[in-house]
Amino acid sequence: MSADLPDFTTYGYQLRTELGHNRLGGRTTYLATNSQNYPVVLKQFQFATSGSSWGEYDAYQQEITMLRRLQHPGIPRYLDAFQTPDGFCMVQQYISGESLATPRNWTPQEIKHIALATLEIL
């Protein structure tokens, strides 16, 4: 674990690397491993940071409730959630893939495939 990353080992998760962040909204996403050494995605929601508020907590609780019920191969599964001193964390299934932040020229066929796959989820 890098010294820059928070320590969630008491919750059963070892952070490996930061995948993304929205500092303004107080959200950071990490690649982590669980106690069985399986890769997972851990989303940290910090409401005690500037720019975020505990008012957003209810919206995230609704998202967790919805994610618990969803069962679709195109949506990463909800695995766990826990409270921290400054917010909470949500854990989801890790699905390996290319980052959407990487610039890429999409072919019309690829765009069609992505659109159809998205519509199947909806």
Foldseek 3Di string as FASTA:
>chain_A
DDPVDDDPVVVFKAFDAWPDDDVLAQKTWTWIAGNVRATKIKIDHFQQHHNHHCVCVVVVVVVLVVQQPDDDPVDWHWDDKDADPGGIMTITHDDDDDDPVDDDDDDPVRVVVVVVVVVVSD
